[in-house]
């Protein structure tokens, strides 16, 4: 039994083009889903890399901040010492009358 130009499969009542079309549509949908999954995986990888770079930069900035805090503390101590010495010299000069 040949149905002619309808594209149906011989020997299958009502043809077989619907099953073929459905299979092709399913394959296309699966390919699209696979491509979307691959795109999502690529984007997730890029986001992880960016996150790692940001975290690394944050650690560096925290270290620099600690160094600046340390330097500021040393500078404050130096200025207090200089201020104390100047105060002693000024008091000494006043006591000596000159």
N, C-alpha and C. Protein backbone atom coordinates (compact mmCIF):
# COMPACT_ATOMS: atom_id res chain seq x y z
N UNK A 1 0.84 -1.16 0.00
CA UNK A 1 0.00 0.00 0.00
C UNK A 1 0.88 1.23 0.00
N UNK A 2 0.83 1.98 -1.07
CA UNK A 2 1.62 3.20 -1.22
C UNK A 2 0.64 4.35 -1.33
N UNK A 3 0.83 5.36 -0.51
CA UNK A 3 -0.11 6.48 -0.45
C UNK A 3 0.26 7.61 -1.40
N UNK A 4 1.27 7.51 -2.14
CA UNK A 4 1.60 8.50 -3.14
C UNK A 4 2.47 9.61 -2.61
N UNK A 5 2.11 10.86 -2.92
CA UNK A 5 2.95 12.01 -2.63
C UNK A 5 2.73 12.59 -1.24
N UNK A 6 1.99 11.92 -0.38
CA UNK A 6 1.68 12.48 0.93
C UNK A 6 2.86 12.38 1.89
N UNK A 7 3.90 11.67 1.55
CA UNK A 7 5.07 11.54 2.40
C UNK A 7 4.85 10.55 3.53
N UNK A 8 3.84 9.72 3.40
CA UNK A 8 3.55 8.77 4.46
C UNK A 8 4.36 7.51 4.26
N UNK A 9 4.45 6.74 5.32
CA UNK A 9 5.21 5.51 5.28
C UNK A 9 4.33 4.40 4.76
N UNK A 10 4.83 3.59 3.78
CA UNK A 10 4.02 2.51 3.23
C UNK A 10 3.69 1.48 4.31
N UNK A 11 2.48 1.01 4.30
CA UNK A 11 2.07 -0.06 5.19
C UNK A 11 1.57 0.45 6.54
N UNK A 12 1.62 1.76 6.78
CA UNK A 12 1.11 2.30 8.05
C UNK A 12 -0.16 3.06 7.74
N UNK A 13 -1.28 2.64 8.34
CA UNK A 13 -2.53 3.32 8.05
C UNK A 13 -2.46 4.79 8.48
N UNK A 14 -2.91 5.68 7.65
CA UNK A 14 -2.89 7.11 7.94
C UNK A 14 -1.52 7.72 7.74
N UNK A 15 -0.58 6.97 7.20
CA UNK A 15 0.76 7.48 6.95
C UNK A 15 1.63 7.39 8.18
N UNK A 16 2.69 8.16 8.25
CA UNK A 16 3.61 8.18 9.38
C UNK A 16 4.26 9.53 9.48
N UNK A 17 3.80 10.49 8.68
CA UNK A 17 4.44 11.80 8.66
C UNK A 17 4.27 12.55 9.99
N UNK A 18 3.17 12.32 10.70
CA UNK A 18 2.96 12.99 11.98
C UNK A 18 3.99 12.54 12.99
N UNK A 19 4.29 11.25 13.02
CA UNK A 19 5.30 10.73 13.94
C UNK A 19 6.67 11.27 13.58
N UNK A 20 6.96 11.36 12.28
CA UNK A 20 8.25 11.88 11.83
C UNK A 20 8.38 13.35 12.20
N UNK A 21 7.31 14.11 11.99
CA UNK A 21 7.32 15.53 12.33
C UNK A 21 7.47 15.72 13.84
N UNK A 22 6.79 14.91 14.60
CA UNK A 22 6.87 15.01 16.06
C UNK A 22 8.28 14.66 16.54
N UNK A 23 8.88 13.66 15.91
CA UNK A 23 10.23 13.27 16.28
C UNK A 23 11.22 14.37 15.93
N UNK A 24 11.03 14.98 14.78
CA UNK A 24 11.90 16.08 14.36
C UNK A 24 11.75 17.26 15.30
N UNK A 25 10.51 17.56 15.69
CA UNK A 25 10.26 18.66 16.62
C UNK A 25 10.88 18.37 17.98
N UNK A 26 10.77 17.14 18.43
CA UNK A 26 11.36 16.75 19.71
C UNK A 26 12.88 16.85 19.65
N UNK A 27 13.46 16.44 18.53
CA UNK A 27 14.91 16.52 18.37
C UNK A 27 15.36 17.98 18.35
N UNK A 28 14.59 18.82 17.67
CA UNK A 28 14.93 20.24 17.62
C UNK A 28 14.81 20.87 19.01
N UNK A 29 13.77 20.49 19.74
CA UNK A 29 13.60 21.02 21.09
C UNK A 29 14.73 20.55 22.00
N UNK A 30 15.13 19.30 21.84
CA UNK A 30 16.23 18.77 22.65
C UNK A 30 17.53 19.50 22.32
N UNK A 31 17.76 19.77 21.04
CA UNK A 31 18.97 20.48 20.63
C UNK A 31 18.96 21.90 21.18
N UNK A 32 17.79 22.55 21.14
CA UNK A 32 17.68 23.91 21.67
C UNK A 32 17.91 23.91 23.18
N UNK A 33 17.37 22.91 23.86
CA UNK A 33 17.55 22.81 25.31
C UNK A 33 19.02 22.57 25.65
N UNK A 34 19.68 21.73 24.85
CA UNK A 34 21.09 21.45 25.08
C UNK A 34 21.93 22.71 24.87
N UNK A 35 21.58 23.47 23.84
CA UNK A 35 22.31 24.72 23.58
C UNK A 35 22.07 25.71 24.71
N UNK A 36 20.84 25.79 25.20
CA UNK A 36 20.53 26.68 26.31
C UNK A 36 21.27 26.25 27.57
N UNK A 37 21.34 24.94 27.81
CA UNK A 37 22.08 24.43 28.97
C UNK A 37 23.56 24.78 28.86
N UNK A 38 24.10 24.62 27.67
CA UNK A 38 25.52 24.94 27.46
C UNK A 38 25.77 26.43 27.67
N UNK A 39 24.86 27.27 27.18
CA UNK A 39 24.98 28.71 27.39
C UNK A 39 24.93 29.06 28.88
N UNK A 40 24.03 28.39 29.60
CA UNK A 40 23.92 28.66 31.03
C UNK A 40 25.17 28.20 31.78
N UNK A 41 25.72 27.07 31.39
CA UNK A 41 26.95 26.59 32.02
C UNK A 41 28.12 27.54 31.74
N UNK A 42 28.19 28.04 30.51
CA UNK A 42 29.25 28.99 30.16
C UNK A 42 29.09 30.27 30.97
N UNK A 43 27.87 30.76 31.06
CA UNK A 43 27.62 31.98 31.83
C UNK A 43 27.93 31.76 33.31
N UNK A 44 27.56 30.61 33.85
CA UNK A 44 27.85 30.31 35.26
C UNK A 44 29.36 30.27 35.49
N UNK A 45 30.10 29.70 34.56
CA UNK A 45 31.55 29.65 34.68
C UNK A 45 32.14 31.05 34.68
N UNK A 46 31.67 31.90 33.77
CA UNK A 46 32.15 33.27 33.71
C UNK A 46 31.82 34.04 34.99
N UNK A 47 30.63 33.82 35.52
CA UNK A 47 30.24 34.48 36.76
C UNK A 47 31.10 34.03 37.93
N UNK A 48 31.41 32.73 37.99
CA UNK A 48 32.29 32.23 39.05
C UNK A 48 33.68 32.85 38.95
N UNK A 49 34.20 32.95 37.72
CA UNK A 49 35.52 33.55 37.52
C UNK A 49 35.51 35.01 37.95
N UNK A 50 34.45 35.73 37.60
CA UNK A 50 34.34 37.14 37.98
C UNK A 50 34.24 37.27 39.50
N UNK A 51 33.47 36.38 40.12
CA UNK A 51 33.33 36.38 41.58
C UNK A 51 34.69 36.13 42.23
N UNK A 52 35.46 35.18 41.69
CA UNK A 52 36.78 34.88 42.24
C UNK A 52 37.71 36.09 42.12
N UNK A 53 37.64 36.79 40.97
CA UNK A 53 38.47 37.99 40.79
C UNK A 53 38.07 39.07 41.80
N UNK A 54 36.78 39.25 41.99
CA UNK A 54 36.31 40.26 42.95
C UNK A 54 36.72 39.92 44.37
N UNK A 55 36.62 38.63 44.75
CA UNK A 55 37.02 38.23 46.09
C UNK A 55 38.52 38.40 46.29
N UNK A 56 39.29 38.12 45.27
CA UNK A 56 40.73 38.31 45.36
C UNK A 56 41.06 39.80 45.52
N UNK A 57 40.39 40.62 44.75
CA UNK A 57 40.59 42.07 44.85
C UNK A 57 40.18 42.58 46.23
N UNK A 58 39.11 42.03 46.77
CA UNK A 58 38.65 42.44 48.09
C UNK A 58 39.69 42.07 49.16
N UNK A 59 40.29 40.89 49.05
CA UNK A 59 41.33 40.49 50.01
C UNK A 59 42.51 41.45 49.95
N UNK A 60 42.91 41.82 48.73
CA UNK A 60 44.02 42.76 48.56
C UNK A 60 43.68 44.11 49.19
N UNK A 61 42.46 44.58 48.96
CA UNK A 61 42.04 45.87 49.53
C UNK A 61 41.99 45.80 51.06
N UNK A 62 41.55 44.68 51.61
CA UNK A 62 41.53 44.52 53.06
C UNK A 62 42.94 44.55 53.64
N UNK A 63 43.89 43.90 52.94
CA UNK A 63 45.28 43.93 53.40
C UNK A 63 45.83 45.35 53.36
N UNK A 64 45.54 46.07 52.28
CA UNK A 64 46.00 47.45 52.17
C UNK A 64 45.38 48.31 53.26
N UNK A 65 44.12 48.06 53.54
CA UNK A 65 43.45 48.81 54.59
C UNK A 65 44.12 48.57 55.94
N UNK A 66 44.47 47.32 56.23
CA UNK A 66 45.16 47.01 57.49
C UNK A 66 46.51 47.71 57.55
N UNK A 67 47.22 47.75 56.43
CA UNK A 67 48.51 48.44 56.39
C UNK A 67 48.33 49.94 56.64
N UNK A 68 47.30 50.51 56.04
CA UNK A 68 47.04 51.94 56.25
C UNK A 68 46.67 52.24 57.70
N UNK A 69 45.87 51.38 58.30
CA UNK A 69 45.50 51.56 59.71
C UNK A 69 46.75 51.50 60.58
N UNK A 70 47.63 50.56 60.28
CA UNK A 70 48.88 50.43 61.03
C UNK A 70 49.73 51.69 60.87
N UNK A 71 49.87 52.15 59.64
CA UNK A 71 50.67 53.36 59.38
C UNK A 71 50.05 54.57 60.08
N UNK A 72 48.75 54.66 60.07
CA UNK A 72 48.07 55.77 60.74
C UNK A 72 48.33 55.74 62.24
N UNK A 73 48.28 54.54 62.84
CA UNK A 73 48.57 54.41 64.26
C UNK A 73 49.99 54.85 64.58
N UNK A 74 50.95 54.45 63.75
CA UNK A 74 52.35 54.86 63.96
C UNK A 74 52.50 56.37 63.82
N UNK A 75 51.83 56.95 62.85
CA UNK A 75 51.90 58.39 62.64
C UNK A 75 51.30 59.15 63.82
N UNK A 76 50.20 58.66 64.35
CA UNK A 76 49.59 59.29 65.52
C UNK A 76 50.54 59.25 66.71
N UNK A 77 51.18 58.11 66.92
CA UNK A 77 52.13 57.99 68.04
C UNK A 77 53.30 58.95 67.83
N UNK A 78 53.80 59.05 66.61
CA UNK A 78 54.91 59.97 66.30
C UNK A 78 54.49 61.41 66.57
N UNK A 79 53.30 61.78 66.12
CA UNK A 79 52.83 63.14 66.33
C UNK A 79 52.62 63.45 67.81
N UNK A 80 52.13 62.48 68.56
CA UNK A 80 51.97 62.69 70.00
C UNK A 80 53.32 62.88 70.67
N UNK A 81 54.30 62.10 70.25
CA UNK A 81 55.65 62.22 70.81
C UNK A 81 56.25 63.58 70.47
N UNK A 82 56.11 64.00 69.22
CA UNK A 82 56.63 65.31 68.81
C UNK A 82 55.92 66.41 69.57
N UNK A 83 54.62 66.31 69.70
CA UNK A 83 53.85 67.31 70.44
C UNK A 83 54.30 67.36 71.89
N UNK A 84 54.51 66.20 72.48
CA UNK A 84 54.97 66.14 73.88
C UNK A 84 56.33 66.80 74.03
N UNK A 85 57.26 66.51 73.10
CA UNK A 85 58.60 67.11 73.15
C UNK A 85 58.54 68.62 72.96
N UNK A 86 57.72 69.07 72.01
CA UNK A 86 57.58 70.51 71.80
C UNK A 86 57.01 71.19 73.04
N UNK A 87 56.06 70.54 73.66
CA UNK A 87 55.47 71.08 74.88
C UNK A 87 56.52 71.19 75.98
N UNK A 88 57.37 70.16 76.12
CA UNK A 88 58.44 70.20 77.12
C UNK A 88 59.43 71.32 76.82
N UNK A 89 59.81 71.47 75.56
CA UNK A 89 60.76 72.52 75.17
C UNK A 89 60.16 73.90 75.43
N UNK A 90 58.91 74.08 75.10
CA UNK A 90 58.25 75.37 75.29
C UNK A 90 58.19 75.70 76.77
N UNK A 91 57.81 74.71 77.60
CA UNK A 91 57.74 74.90 79.05
C UNK A 91 59.13 75.21 79.60
N UNK A 92 60.15 74.52 79.11
CA UNK A 92 61.51 74.72 79.56
C UNK A 92 61.97 76.14 79.21
N UNK A 93 61.66 76.60 78.02
CA UNK A 93 62.05 77.95 77.61
C UNK A 93 61.36 79.01 78.46
N UNK A 94 60.11 78.82 78.81
CA UNK A 94 59.37 79.79 79.61
C UNK A 94 59.92 79.83 81.03
N UNK A 95 60.28 78.64 81.53
CA UNK A 95 60.82 78.60 82.89
C UNK A 95 62.19 79.27 82.97
N UNK A 96 62.94 79.18 81.88
CA UNK A 96 64.27 79.77 81.85
C UNK A 96 64.21 81.27 81.54
N UNK A 97 63.02 81.70 81.17
CA UNK A 97 62.86 83.12 80.91
C UNK A 97 63.25 83.55 79.54
N UNK A 98 63.25 82.64 78.61
CA UNK A 98 63.68 83.16 77.36
C UNK A 98 63.35 82.42 76.19
